[in-house]
Amino acid sequence: MTGLEQKPLTLSIPLREDPPGILRVGKSRVLLELVLRAHQQGKTPREIVAMYDALEIDDVYAVIAYYLAHRAELDEYLLRCDEEAEAVRRRIEATQRPGPTREELLARSRAKGFNL
């Protein structure tokens, strides 16, 4: 009997919900969507760990493997994340007053003695 025959061939997925509905990788506070977006942009697991040094390389490999095996489910999760981010962005933009126009900035500069 070899060592592989004695150990289960399963791998736990290093994901946790914190807060509910928000998935984080391993023991870090790094969001799953950040890791998956980096992977989708062609970053290697080592490059992703370099971007987010709180991550463990083993966790990144495991999360990417899980993504590849459950792409449709996680693409749906990513879509929800994008929709929620867009909704937050719209709410923030709706509460902010518009900034000065280019003409207003130029007028202020001239009033201060700058000749542009």
PDB file of N, CA and C in Angstrom:
ATOM      1  N   MET A   1       0.842  -1.177   0.000  1.00  0.00           N
ATOM      2  CA  MET A   1       0.000   0.000   0.000  1.00  0.00           C
ATOM      3  C   MET A   1       0.893   1.248   0.000  1.00  0.00           C
ATOM      4  N   THR A   2       0.651   2.168  -0.940  1.00  0.00           N
ATOM      5  CA  THR A   2       1.439   3.392  -1.020  1.00  0.00           C
ATOM      6  C   THR A   2       0.840   4.460  -0.128  1.00  0.00           C
ATOM      7  N   GLY A   3       1.577   5.525   0.035  1.00  0.00           N
ATOM      8  CA  GLY A   3       1.109   6.635   0.858  1.00  0.00           C
ATOM      9  C   GLY A   3      -0.154   7.276   0.322  1.00  0.00           C
ATOM     10  N   LEU A   4      -0.290   7.318  -0.996  1.00  0.00           N
ATOM     11  CA  LEU A   4      -1.490   7.912  -1.582  1.00  0.00           C
ATOM     12  C   LEU A   4      -2.729   7.091  -1.299  1.00  0.00           C
ATOM     13  N   GLU A   5      -2.587   5.792  -1.212  1.00  0.00           N
ATOM     14  CA  GLU A   5      -3.739   4.940  -0.952  1.00  0.00           C
ATOM     15  C   GLU A   5      -4.256   5.111   0.475  1.00  0.00           C
ATOM     16  N   GLN A   6      -3.403   5.570   1.368  1.00  0.00           N
ATOM     17  CA  GLN A   6      -3.794   5.714   2.766  1.00  0.00           C
ATOM     18  C   GLN A   6      -4.446   7.067   3.043  1.00  0.00           C
ATOM     19  N   LYS A   7      -4.230   8.056   2.189  1.00  0.00           N
ATOM     20  CA  LYS A   7      -4.756   9.405   2.420  1.00  0.00           C
ATOM     21  C   LYS A   7      -5.923   9.679   1.491  1.00  0.00           C
ATOM     22  N   PRO A   8      -6.916  10.400   1.991  1.00  0.00           N
ATOM     23  CA  PRO A   8      -8.036  10.753   1.101  1.00  0.00           C
ATOM     24  C   PRO A   8      -7.552  11.714   0.017  1.00  0.00           C
ATOM     25  N   LEU A   9      -8.082  11.545  -1.180  1.00  0.00           N
ATOM     26  CA  LEU A   9      -7.681  12.393  -2.296  1.00  0.00           C
ATOM     27  C   LEU A   9      -8.660  13.544  -2.477  1.00  0.00           C
ATOM     28  N   THR A  10      -8.958  14.211  -1.389  1.00  0.00           N
ATOM     29  CA  THR A  10      -9.827  15.381  -1.441  1.00  0.00           C
ATOM     30  C   THR A  10      -9.042  16.591  -0.973  1.00  0.00           C
ATOM     31  N   LEU A  11      -9.510  17.724  -1.371  1.00  0.00           N
ATOM     32  CA  LEU A  11      -8.849  18.979  -1.022  1.00  0.00           C
ATOM     33  C   LEU A  11      -9.910  19.950  -0.536  1.00  0.00           C
ATOM     34  N   SER A  12      -9.710  20.497   0.632  1.00  0.00           N
ATOM     35  CA  SER A  12     -10.673  21.487   1.109  1.00  0.00           C
ATOM     36  C   SER A  12     -10.411  22.803   0.373  1.00  0.00           C
ATOM     37  N   ILE A  13     -11.472  23.509   0.090  1.00  0.00           N
ATOM     38  CA  ILE A  13     -11.376  24.768  -0.635  1.00  0.00           C
ATOM     39  C   ILE A  13     -11.229  25.889   0.394  1.00  0.00           C
ATOM     40  N   PRO A  14     -10.147  26.655   0.298  1.00  0.00           N
ATOM     41  CA  PRO A  14      -9.884  27.693   1.296  1.00  0.00           C
ATOM     42  C   PRO A  14     -10.709  28.956   1.050  1.00  0.00           C
ATOM     43  N   LEU A  15     -12.032  28.823   1.189  1.00  0.00           N
ATOM     44  CA  LEU A  15     -12.937  29.956   1.064  1.00  0.00           C
ATOM     45  C   LEU A  15     -13.763  30.069   2.327  1.00  0.00           C
ATOM     46  N   ARG A  16     -14.078  31.298   2.690  1.00  0.00           N
ATOM     47  CA  ARG A  16     -14.945  31.520   3.838  1.00  0.00           C
ATOM     48  C   ARG A  16     -15.801  32.751   3.567  1.00  0.00           C
ATOM     49  N   GLU A  17     -16.967  32.768   4.175  1.00  0.00           N
ATOM     50  CA  GLU A  17     -17.859  33.914   4.040  1.00  0.00           C
ATOM     51  C   GLU A  17     -17.622  34.870   5.196  1.00  0.00           C
ATOM     52  N   ASP A  18     -17.312  36.114   4.859  1.00  0.00           N
ATOM     53  CA  ASP A  18     -17.034  37.112   5.893  1.00  0.00           C
ATOM     54  C   ASP A  18     -17.185  38.499   5.293  1.00  0.00           C
ATOM     55  N   PRO A  19     -18.300  39.178   5.498  1.00  0.00           N
ATOM     56  CA  PRO A  19     -19.561  38.784   6.118  1.00  0.00           C
ATOM     57  C   PRO A  19     -20.341  37.859   5.191  1.00  0.00           C
ATOM     58  N   PRO A  20     -21.515  37.404   5.613  1.00  0.00           N
ATOM     59  CA  PRO A  20     -22.284  36.483   4.769  1.00  0.00           C
ATOM     60  C   PRO A  20     -22.470  37.030   3.347  1.00  0.00           C
ATOM     61  N   GLY A  21     -22.215  36.161   2.384  1.00  0.00           N
ATOM     62  CA  GLY A  21     -22.352  36.544   0.987  1.00  0.00           C
ATOM     63  C   GLY A  21     -21.076  37.057   0.347  1.00  0.00           C
ATOM     64  N   ILE A  22     -20.069  37.345   1.164  1.00  0.00           N
ATOM     65  CA  ILE A  22     -18.784  37.847   0.671  1.00  0.00           C
ATOM     66  C   ILE A  22     -17.743  36.751   0.890  1.00  0.00           C
ATOM     67  N   LEU A  23     -17.152  36.262  -0.193  1.00  0.00           N
ATOM     68  CA  LEU A  23     -16.179  35.171  -0.085  1.00  0.00           C
ATOM     69  C   LEU A  23     -14.757  35.715  -0.010  1.00  0.00           C
ATOM     70  N   ARG A  24     -14.010  35.190   0.949  1.00  0.00           N
ATOM     71  CA  ARG A  24     -12.607  35.562   1.141  1.00  0.00           C
ATOM     72  C   ARG A  24     -11.752  34.310   1.024  1.00  0.00           C
ATOM     73  N   VAL A  25     -10.498  34.513   0.651  1.00  0.00           N
ATOM     74  CA  VAL A  25      -9.592  33.400   0.377  1.00  0.00           C
ATOM     75  C   VAL A  25      -8.741  33.096   1.608  1.00  0.00           C
ATOM     76  N   GLY A  26      -8.737  31.825   1.992  1.00  0.00           N
ATOM     77  CA  GLY A  26      -7.912  31.367   3.111  1.00  0.00           C
ATOM     78  C   GLY A  26      -8.213  32.114   4.388  1.00  0.00           C
ATOM     79  N   LYS A  27      -7.169  32.414   5.129  1.00  0.00           N
ATOM     80  CA  LYS A  27      -7.316  33.157   6.380  1.00  0.00           C
ATOM     81  C   LYS A  27      -7.170  34.659   6.165  1.00  0.00           C
ATOM     82  N   SER A  28      -6.983  35.054   4.903  1.00  0.00           N
ATOM     83  CA  SER A  28      -6.787  36.464   4.581  1.00  0.00           C
ATOM     84  C   SER A  28      -8.132  37.184   4.472  1.00  0.00           C
ATOM     85  N   ARG A  29      -8.055  38.480   4.271  1.00  0.00           N
ATOM     86  CA  ARG A  29      -9.258  39.270   4.008  1.00  0.00           C
ATOM     87  C   ARG A  29      -9.391  39.559   2.514  1.00  0.00           C
ATOM     88  N   VAL A  30      -8.579  38.899   1.692  1.00  0.00           N
ATOM     89  CA  VAL A  30      -8.586  39.125   0.246  1.00  0.00           C
ATOM     90  C   VAL A  30      -9.859  38.514  -0.349  1.00  0.00           C
ATOM     91  N   LEU A  31     -10.555  39.304  -1.130  1.00  0.00           N
ATOM     92  CA  LEU A  31     -11.800  38.864  -1.743  1.00  0.00           C
ATOM     93  C   LEU A  31     -11.553  37.862  -2.856  1.00  0.00           C
ATOM     94  N   LEU A  32     -12.423  36.869  -2.938  1.00  0.00           N
ATOM     95  CA  LEU A  32     -12.321  35.868  -3.991  1.00  0.00           C
ATOM     96  C   LEU A  32     -12.323  36.520  -5.363  1.00  0.00           C
ATOM     97  N   GLU A  33     -13.165  37.528  -5.564  1.00  0.00           N
ATOM     98  CA  GLU A  33     -13.244  38.134  -6.890  1.00  0.00           C
ATOM     99  C   GLU A  33     -11.931  38.790  -7.319  1.00  0.00           C
ATOM    100  N   LEU A  34     -11.148  39.281  -6.368  1.00  0.00           N
ATOM    101  CA  LEU A  34      -9.848  39.863  -6.723  1.00  0.00           C
ATOM    102  C   LEU A  34      -8.897  38.796  -7.251  1.00  0.00           C
ATOM    103  N   VAL A  35      -8.900  37.645  -6.608  1.00  0.00           N
ATOM    104  CA  VAL A  35      -8.037  36.545  -7.046  1.00  0.00           C
ATOM    105  C   VAL A  35      -8.490  36.037  -8.405  1.00  0.00           C
ATOM    106  N   LEU A  36      -9.794  35.845  -8.579  1.00  0.00           N
ATOM    107  CA  LEU A  36     -10.292  35.323  -9.846  1.00  0.00           C
ATOM    108  C   LEU A  36     -10.109  36.312 -10.984  1.00  0.00           C
ATOM    109  N   ARG A  37     -10.308  37.584 -10.730  1.00  0.00           N
ATOM    110  CA  ARG A  37     -10.087  38.597 -11.782  1.00  0.00           C
ATOM    111  C   ARG A  37      -8.609  38.626 -12.192  1.00  0.00           C
ATOM    112  N   ALA A  38      -7.720  38.521 -11.234  1.00  0.00           N
ATOM    113  CA  ALA A  38      -6.295  38.491 -11.559  1.00  0.00           C
ATOM    114  C   ALA A  38      -5.971  37.257 -12.401  1.00  0.00           C
ATOM    115  N   HIS A  39      -6.551  36.121 -12.036  1.00  0.00           N
ATOM    116  CA  HIS A  39      -6.355  34.894 -12.811  1.00  0.00           C
ATOM    117  C   HIS A  39      -6.892  35.074 -14.228  1.00  0.00           C
ATOM    118  N   GLN A  40      -8.068  35.667 -14.359  1.00  0.00           N
ATOM    119  CA  GLN A  40      -8.671  35.889 -15.675  1.00  0.00           C
ATOM    120  C   GLN A  40      -7.823  36.834 -16.532  1.00  0.00           C
ATOM    121  N   GLN A  41      -7.077  37.712 -15.886  1.00  0.00           N
ATOM    122  CA  GLN A  41      -6.205  38.641 -16.612  1.00  0.00           C
ATOM    123  C   GLN A  41      -4.859  38.010 -16.957  1.00  0.00           C
ATOM    124  N   GLY A  42      -4.695  36.726 -16.618  1.00  0.00           N
ATOM    125  CA  GLY A  42      -3.484  36.012 -16.991  1.00  0.00           C
ATOM    126  C   GLY A  42      -2.390  35.995 -15.935  1.00  0.00           C
ATOM    127  N   LYS A  43      -2.677  36.469 -14.743  1.00  0.00           N
ATOM    128  CA  LYS A  43      -1.683  36.442 -13.668  1.00  0.00           C
ATOM    129  C   LYS A  43      -1.493  35.009 -13.182  1.00  0.00           C
ATOM    130  N   THR A  44      -0.259  34.662 -12.852  1.00  0.00           N
ATOM    131  CA  THR A  44       0.025  33.346 -12.291  1.00  0.00           C
ATOM    132  C   THR A  44      -0.281  33.377 -10.795  1.00  0.00           C
ATOM    133  N   PRO A  45      -0.427  32.211 -10.168  1.00  0.00           N
ATOM    134  CA  PRO A  45      -0.635  32.197  -8.716  1.00  0.00           C
ATOM    135  C   PRO A  45       0.475  32.945  -7.963  1.00  0.00           C
ATOM    136  N   ARG A  46       1.709  32.814  -8.401  1.00  0.00           N
ATOM    137  CA  ARG A  46       2.806  33.536  -7.724  1.00  0.00           C
ATOM    138  C   ARG A  46       2.653  35.050  -7.868  1.00  0.00           C
ATOM    139  N   GLU A  47       2.221  35.496  -9.040  1.00  0.00           N
ATOM    140  CA  GLU A  47       2.002  36.931  -9.236  1.00  0.00           C
ATOM    141  C   GLU A  47       0.843  37.424  -8.375  1.00  0.00           C
ATOM    142  N   ILE A  48      -0.173  36.592  -8.230  1.00  0.00           N
ATOM    143  CA  ILE A  48      -1.323  36.970  -7.396  1.00  0.00           C
ATOM    144  C   ILE A  48      -0.894  37.092  -5.935  1.00  0.00           C
ATOM    145  N   VAL A  49      -0.079  36.159  -5.473  1.00  0.00           N
ATOM    146  CA  VAL A  49       0.425  36.244  -4.095  1.00  0.00           C
ATOM    147  C   VAL A  49       1.301  37.482  -3.922  1.00  0.00           C
ATOM    148  N   ALA A  50       2.054  37.829  -4.949  1.00  0.00           N
ATOM    149  CA  ALA A  50       2.875  39.050  -4.873  1.00  0.00           C
ATOM    150  C   ALA A  50       1.991  40.292  -4.795  1.00  0.00           C
ATOM    151  N   MET A  51       0.837  40.251  -5.440  1.00  0.00           N
ATOM    152  CA  MET A  51      -0.101  41.375  -5.396  1.00  0.00           C
ATOM    153  C   MET A  51      -0.772  41.494  -4.028  1.00  0.00           C
ATOM    154  N   TYR A  52      -1.074  40.351  -3.430  1.00  0.00           N
ATOM    155  CA  TYR A  52      -1.783  40.290  -2.145  1.00  0.00           C
ATOM    156  C   TYR A  52      -0.966  39.405  -1.210  1.00  0.00           C
ATOM    157  N   ASP A  53      -0.029  39.993  -0.526  1.00  0.00           N
ATOM    158  CA  ASP A  53       0.920  39.194   0.257  1.00  0.00           C
ATOM    159  C   ASP A  53       0.310  38.495   1.468  1.00  0.00           C
ATOM    160  N   ALA A  54      -0.952  38.756   1.771  1.00  0.00           N
ATOM    161  CA  ALA A  54      -1.622  38.030   2.861  1.00  0.00           C
ATOM    162  C   ALA A  54      -2.054  36.636   2.409  1.00  0.00           C
ATOM    163  N   LEU A  55      -2.000  36.374   1.114  1.00  0.00           N
ATOM    164  CA  LEU A  55      -2.424  35.080   0.579  1.00  0.00           C
ATOM    165  C   LEU A  55      -1.322  34.044   0.694  1.00  0.00           C
ATOM    166  N   GLU A  56      -1.738  32.791   0.773  1.00  0.00           N
ATOM    167  CA  GLU A  56      -0.827  31.652   0.727  1.00  0.00           C
ATOM    168  C   GLU A  56      -0.896  31.057  -0.672  1.00  0.00           C
ATOM    169  N   ILE A  57       0.245  30.677  -1.223  1.00  0.00           N
ATOM    170  CA  ILE A  57       0.296  30.150  -2.583  1.00  0.00           C
ATOM    171  C   ILE A  57      -0.600  28.918  -2.745  1.00  0.00           C
ATOM    172  N   ASP A  58      -0.605  28.037  -1.754  1.00  0.00           N
ATOM    173  CA  ASP A  58      -1.447  26.838  -1.828  1.00  0.00           C
ATOM    174  C   ASP A  58      -2.926  27.206  -1.935  1.00  0.00           C
ATOM    175  N   ASP A  59      -3.339  28.239  -1.203  1.00  0.00           N
ATOM    176  CA  ASP A  59      -4.731  28.673  -1.250  1.00  0.00           C
ATOM    177  C   ASP A  59      -5.094  29.203  -2.633  1.00  0.00           C
ATOM    178  N   VAL A  60      -4.184  29.944  -3.245  1.00  0.00           N
ATOM    179  CA  VAL A  60      -4.453  30.507  -4.572  1.00  0.00           C
ATOM    180  C   VAL A  60      -4.600  29.381  -5.599  1.00  0.00           C
ATOM    181  N   TYR A  61      -3.694  28.424  -5.573  1.00  0.00           N
ATOM    182  CA  TYR A  61      -3.817  27.281  -6.489  1.00  0.00           C
ATOM    183  C   TYR A  61      -5.141  26.545  -6.275  1.00  0.00           C
ATOM    184  N   ALA A  62      -5.515  26.325  -5.023  1.00  0.00           N
ATOM    185  CA  ALA A  62      -6.753  25.592  -4.722  1.00  0.00           C
ATOM    186  C   ALA A  62      -7.984  26.363  -5.202  1.00  0.00           C
ATOM    187  N   VAL A  63      -7.994  27.674  -4.991  1.00  0.00           N
ATOM    188  CA  VAL A  63      -9.129  28.495  -5.411  1.00  0.00           C
ATOM    189  C   VAL A  63      -9.242  28.517  -6.932  1.00  0.00           C
ATOM    190  N   ILE A  64      -8.113  28.629  -7.616  1.00  0.00           N
ATOM    191  CA  ILE A  64      -8.148  28.623  -9.080  1.00  0.00           C
ATOM    192  C   ILE A  64      -8.617  27.262  -9.591  1.00  0.00           C
ATOM    193  N   ALA A  65      -8.148  26.186  -8.986  1.00  0.00           N
ATOM    194  CA  ALA A  65      -8.605  24.845  -9.385  1.00  0.00           C
ATOM    195  C   ALA A  65     -10.109  24.713  -9.162  1.00  0.00           C
ATOM    196  N   TYR A  66     -10.603  25.214  -8.047  1.00  0.00           N
ATOM    197  CA  TYR A  66     -12.036  25.169  -7.770  1.00  0.00           C
ATOM    198  C   TYR A  66     -12.802  25.983  -8.817  1.00  0.00           C
ATOM    199  N   TYR A  67     -12.276  27.158  -9.156  1.00  0.00           N
ATOM    200  CA  TYR A  67     -12.906  27.997 -10.177  1.00  0.00           C
ATOM    201  C   TYR A  67     -12.991  27.257 -11.512  1.00  0.00           C
ATOM    202  N   LEU A  68     -11.910  26.610 -11.906  1.00  0.00           N
ATOM    203  CA  LEU A  68     -11.898  25.903 -13.183  1.00  0.00           C
ATOM    204  C   LEU A  68     -12.899  24.750 -13.200  1.00  0.00           C
ATOM    205  N   ALA A  69     -13.123  24.139 -12.048  1.00  0.00           N
ATOM    206  CA  ALA A  69     -14.073  23.026 -11.952  1.00  0.00           C
ATOM    207  C   ALA A  69     -15.526  23.493 -11.792  1.00  0.00           C
ATOM    208  N   HIS A  70     -15.730  24.738 -11.361  1.00  0.00           N
ATOM    209  CA  HIS A  70     -17.075  25.267 -11.094  1.00  0.00           C
ATOM    210  C   HIS A  70     -17.237  26.645 -11.740  1.00  0.00           C
ATOM    211  N   ARG A  71     -16.773  26.760 -12.955  1.00  0.00           N
ATOM    212  CA  ARG A  71     -16.718  28.066 -13.629  1.00  0.00           C
ATOM    213  C   ARG A  71     -18.082  28.749 -13.712  1.00  0.00           C
ATOM    214  N   ALA A  72     -19.120  28.054 -14.116  1.00  0.00           N
ATOM    215  CA  ALA A  72     -20.433  28.691 -14.293  1.00  0.00           C
ATOM    216  C   ALA A  72     -20.934  29.278 -12.974  1.00  0.00           C
ATOM    217  N   GLU A  73     -20.822  28.513 -11.914  1.00  0.00           N
ATOM    218  CA  GLU A  73     -21.277  28.967 -10.594  1.00  0.00           C
ATOM    219  C   GLU A  73     -20.494  30.198 -10.132  1.00  0.00           C
ATOM    220  N   LEU A  74     -19.185  30.163 -10.297  1.00  0.00           N
ATOM    221  CA  LEU A  74     -18.368  31.286  -9.834  1.00  0.00           C
ATOM    222  C   LEU A  74     -18.436  32.483 -10.776  1.00  0.00           C
ATOM    223  N   ASP A  75     -18.664  32.260 -12.060  1.00  0.00           N
ATOM    224  CA  ASP A  75     -18.880  33.387 -12.969  1.00  0.00           C
ATOM    225  C   ASP A  75     -20.160  34.125 -12.596  1.00  0.00           C
ATOM    226  N   GLU A  76     -21.160  33.377 -12.148  1.00  0.00           N
ATOM    227  CA  GLU A  76     -22.399  33.993 -11.664  1.00  0.00           C
ATOM    228  C   GLU A  76     -22.115  34.825 -10.407  1.00  0.00           C
ATOM    229  N   TYR A  77     -21.294  34.299  -9.511  1.00  0.00           N
ATOM    230  CA  TYR A  77     -20.894  35.040  -8.304  1.00  0.00           C
ATOM    231  C   TYR A  77     -20.169  36.331  -8.702  1.00  0.00           C
ATOM    232  N   LEU A  78     -19.253  36.239  -9.667  1.00  0.00           N
ATOM    233  CA  LEU A  78     -18.513  37.421 -10.125  1.00  0.00           C
ATOM    234  C   LEU A  78     -19.463  38.450 -10.736  1.00  0.00           C
ATOM    235  N   LEU A  79     -20.441  37.989 -11.473  1.00  0.00           N
ATOM    236  CA  LEU A  79     -21.422  38.895 -12.069  1.00  0.00           C
ATOM    237  C   LEU A  79     -22.195  39.627 -10.978  1.00  0.00           C
ATOM    238  N   ARG A  80     -22.606  38.903  -9.939  1.00  0.00           N
ATOM    239  CA  ARG A  80     -23.304  39.543  -8.808  1.00  0.00           C
ATOM    240  C   ARG A  80     -22.407  40.579  -8.137  1.00  0.00           C
ATOM    241  N   CYS A  81     -21.131  40.255  -7.972  1.00  0.00           N
ATOM    242  CA  CYS A  81     -20.188  41.204  -7.366  1.00  0.00           C
ATOM    243  C   CYS A  81     -20.090  42.471  -8.213  1.00  0.00           C
ATOM    244  N   ASP A  82     -20.004  42.299  -9.530  1.00  0.00           N
ATOM    245  CA  ASP A  82     -19.923  43.452 -10.429  1.00  0.00           C
ATOM    246  C   ASP A  82     -21.186  44.300 -10.350  1.00  0.00           C
ATOM    247  N   GLU A  83     -22.350  43.652 -10.309  1.00  0.00           N
ATOM    248  CA  GLU A  83     -23.617  44.384 -10.228  1.00  0.00           C
ATOM    249  C   GLU A  83     -23.717  45.153  -8.914  1.00  0.00           C
ATOM    250  N   GLU A  84     -23.302  44.530  -7.818  1.00  0.00           N
ATOM    251  CA  GLU A  84     -23.341  45.213  -6.517  1.00  0.00           C
ATOM    252  C   GLU A  84     -22.372  46.388  -6.497  1.00  0.00           C
ATOM    253  N   ALA A  85     -21.195  46.209  -7.070  1.00  0.00           N
ATOM    254  CA  ALA A  85     -20.214  47.295  -7.121  1.00  0.00           C
ATOM    255  C   ALA A  85     -20.749  48.459  -7.950  1.00  0.00           C
ATOM    256  N   GLU A  86     -21.397  48.155  -9.056  1.00  0.00           N
ATOM    257  CA  GLU A  86     -21.977  49.206  -9.904  1.00  0.00           C
ATOM    258  C   GLU A  86     -23.084  49.951  -9.160  1.00  0.00           C
ATOM    259  N   ALA A  87     -23.908  49.238  -8.413  1.00  0.00           N
ATOM    260  CA  ALA A  87     -24.975  49.877  -7.642  1.00  0.00           C
ATOM    261  C   ALA A  87     -24.391  50.810  -6.581  1.00  0.00           C
ATOM    262  N   VAL A  88     -23.342  50.385  -5.910  1.00  0.00           N
ATOM    263  CA  VAL A  88     -22.683  51.228  -4.902  1.00  0.00           C
ATOM    264  C   VAL A  88     -22.083  52.464  -5.577  1.00  0.00           C
ATOM    265  N   ARG A  89     -21.439  52.251  -6.725  1.00  0.00           N
ATOM    266  CA  ARG A  89     -20.833  53.363  -7.461  1.00  0.00           C
ATOM    267  C   ARG A  89     -21.896  54.394  -7.843  1.00  0.00           C
ATOM    268  N   ARG A  90     -23.048  53.939  -8.327  1.00  0.00           N
ATOM    269  CA  ARG A  90     -24.136  54.860  -8.707  1.00  0.00           C
ATOM    270  C   ARG A  90     -24.660  55.624  -7.491  1.00  0.00           C
ATOM    271  N   ARG A  91     -24.811  54.924  -6.341  1.00  0.00           N
ATOM    272  CA  ARG A  91     -25.287  55.606  -5.127  1.00  0.00           C
ATOM    273  C   ARG A  91     -24.306  56.679  -4.683  1.00  0.00           C
ATOM    274  N   ILE A  92     -23.021  56.380  -4.734  1.00  0.00           N
ATOM    275  CA  ILE A  92     -22.007  57.359  -4.324  1.00  0.00           C
ATOM    276  C   ILE A  92     -22.017  58.550  -5.268  1.00  0.00           C
ATOM    277  N   GLU A  93     -22.047  58.288  -6.558  1.00  0.00           N
ATOM    278  CA  GLU A  93     -22.038  59.377  -7.536  1.00  0.00           C
ATOM    279  C   GLU A  93     -23.282  60.244  -7.416  1.00  0.00           C
ATOM    280  N   ALA A  94     -24.417  59.646  -7.052  1.00  0.00           N
ATOM    281  CA  ALA A  94     -25.655  60.408  -6.921  1.00  0.00           C
ATOM    282  C   ALA A  94     -25.616  61.359  -5.730  1.00  0.00           C
ATOM    283  N   THR A  95     -24.826  61.049  -4.718  1.00  0.00           N
ATOM    284  CA  THR A  95     -24.772  61.900  -3.528  1.00  0.00           C
ATOM    285  C   THR A  95     -23.676  62.952  -3.606  1.00  0.00           C
ATOM    286  N   GLN A  96     -22.799  62.844  -4.573  1.00  0.00           N
ATOM    287  CA  GLN A  96     -21.707  63.817  -4.686  1.00  0.00           C
ATOM    288  C   GLN A  96     -22.123  64.961  -5.598  1.00  0.00           C
ATOM    289  N   ARG A  97     -21.725  66.150  -5.207  1.00  0.00           N
ATOM    290  CA  ARG A  97     -22.012  67.279  -6.088  1.00  0.00           C
ATOM    291  C   ARG A  97     -20.958  67.301  -7.189  1.00  0.00           C
ATOM    292  N   PRO A  98     -21.321  67.810  -8.335  1.00  0.00           N
ATOM    293  CA  PRO A  98     -20.350  67.832  -9.429  1.00  0.00           C
ATOM    294  C   PRO A  98     -19.188  68.772  -9.116  1.00  0.00           C
ATOM    295  N   GLY A  99     -18.029  68.430  -9.605  1.00  0.00           N
ATOM    296  CA  GLY A  99     -16.844  69.260  -9.399  1.00  0.00           C
ATOM    297  C   GLY A  99     -16.855  70.451 -10.329  1.00  0.00           C
ATOM    298  N   PRO A 100     -15.897  71.342 -10.161  1.00  0.00           N
ATOM    299  CA  PRO A 100     -15.840  72.529 -11.016  1.00  0.00           C
ATOM    300  C   PRO A 100     -15.520  72.148 -12.467  1.00  0.00           C
ATOM    301  N   THR A 101     -16.035  72.964 -13.365  1.00  0.00           N
ATOM    302  CA  THR A 101     -15.749  72.749 -14.782  1.00  0.00           C
ATOM    303  C   THR A 101     -14.343  73.261 -15.100  1.00  0.00           C
ATOM    304  N   ARG A 102     -13.878  72.929 -16.262  1.00  0.00           N
ATOM    305  CA  ARG A 102     -12.554  73.392 -16.706  1.00  0.00           C
ATOM    306  C   ARG A 102     -12.503  74.921 -16.713  1.00  0.00           C
ATOM    307  N   GLU A 103     -13.576  75.545 -17.194  1.00  0.00           N
ATOM    308  CA  GLU A 103     -13.625  77.002 -17.261  1.00  0.00           C
ATOM    309  C   GLU A 103     -13.556  77.631 -15.869  1.00  0.00           C
ATOM    310  N   GLU A 104     -14.244  77.013 -14.901  1.00  0.00           N
ATOM    311  CA  GLU A 104     -14.199  77.524 -13.527  1.00  0.00           C
ATOM    312  C   GLU A 104     -12.786  77.415 -12.952  1.00  0.00           C
ATOM    313  N   LEU A 105     -12.115  76.316 -13.222  1.00  0.00           N
ATOM    314  CA  LEU A 105     -10.749  76.145 -12.733  1.00  0.00           C
ATOM    315  C   LEU A 105      -9.805  77.168 -13.363  1.00  0.00           C
ATOM    316  N   LEU A 106      -9.964  77.400 -14.652  1.00  0.00           N
ATOM    317  CA  LEU A 106      -9.134  78.403 -15.326  1.00  0.00           C
ATOM    318  C   LEU A 106      -9.396  79.798 -14.759  1.00  0.00           C
ATOM    319  N   ALA A 107     -10.662  80.114 -14.489  1.00  0.00           N
ATOM    320  CA  ALA A 107     -11.002  81.417 -13.919  1.00  0.00           C
ATOM    321  C   ALA A 107     -10.382  81.579 -12.537  1.00  0.00           C
ATOM    322  N   ARG A 108     -10.418  80.546 -11.729  1.00  0.00           N
ATOM    323  CA  ARG A 108      -9.783  80.591 -10.400  1.00  0.00           C
ATOM    324  C   ARG A 108      -8.282  80.824 -10.519  1.00  0.00           C
ATOM    325  N   SER A 109      -7.659  80.157 -11.470  1.00  0.00           N
ATOM    326  CA  SER A 109      -6.211  80.306 -11.677  1.00  0.00           C
ATOM    327  C   SER A 109      -5.880  81.737 -12.072  1.00  0.00           C
ATOM    328  N   ARG A 110      -6.665  82.296 -12.978  1.00  0.00           N
ATOM    329  CA  ARG A 110      -6.421  83.686 -13.407  1.00  0.00           C
ATOM    330  C   ARG A 110      -6.623  84.643 -12.237  1.00  0.00           C
ATOM    331  N   ALA A 111      -7.635  84.388 -11.409  1.00  0.00           N
ATOM    332  CA  ALA A 111      -7.910  85.242 -10.261  1.00  0.00           C
ATOM    333  C   ALA A 111      -6.752  85.223  -9.256  1.00  0.00           C
ATOM    334  N   LYS A 112      -6.021  84.109  -9.205  1.00  0.00           N
ATOM    335  CA  LYS A 112      -4.873  83.997  -8.299  1.00  0.00           C
ATOM    336  C   LYS A 112      -3.588  84.524  -8.937  1.00  0.00           C
ATOM    337  N   GLY A 113      -3.695  84.988 -10.167  1.00  0.00           N
ATOM    338  CA  GLY A 113      -2.530  85.561 -10.820  1.00  0.00           C
ATOM    339  C   GLY A 113      -1.762  84.605 -11.701  1.00  0.00           C
ATOM    340  N   PHE A 114      -2.250  83.418 -11.885  1.00  0.00           N
ATOM    341  CA  PHE A 114      -1.586  82.464 -12.790  1.00  0.00           C
ATOM    342  C   PHE A 114      -2.050  82.767 -14.208  1.00  0.00           C
ATOM    343  N   ASN A 115      -1.111  82.823 -15.113  1.00  0.00           N
ATOM    344  CA  ASN A 115      -1.433  83.117 -16.489  1.00  0.00           C
ATOM    345  C   ASN A 115      -1.327  81.833 -17.311  1.00  0.00           C
ATOM    346  N   LEU A 116      -2.459  81.203 -17.529  1.00  0.00           N
ATOM    347  CA  LEU A 116      -2.477  79.940 -18.282  1.00  0.00           C
ATOM    348  C   LEU A 116      -2.929  80.144 -19.690  1.00  0.00           C
TER     349      LEU A 116
END
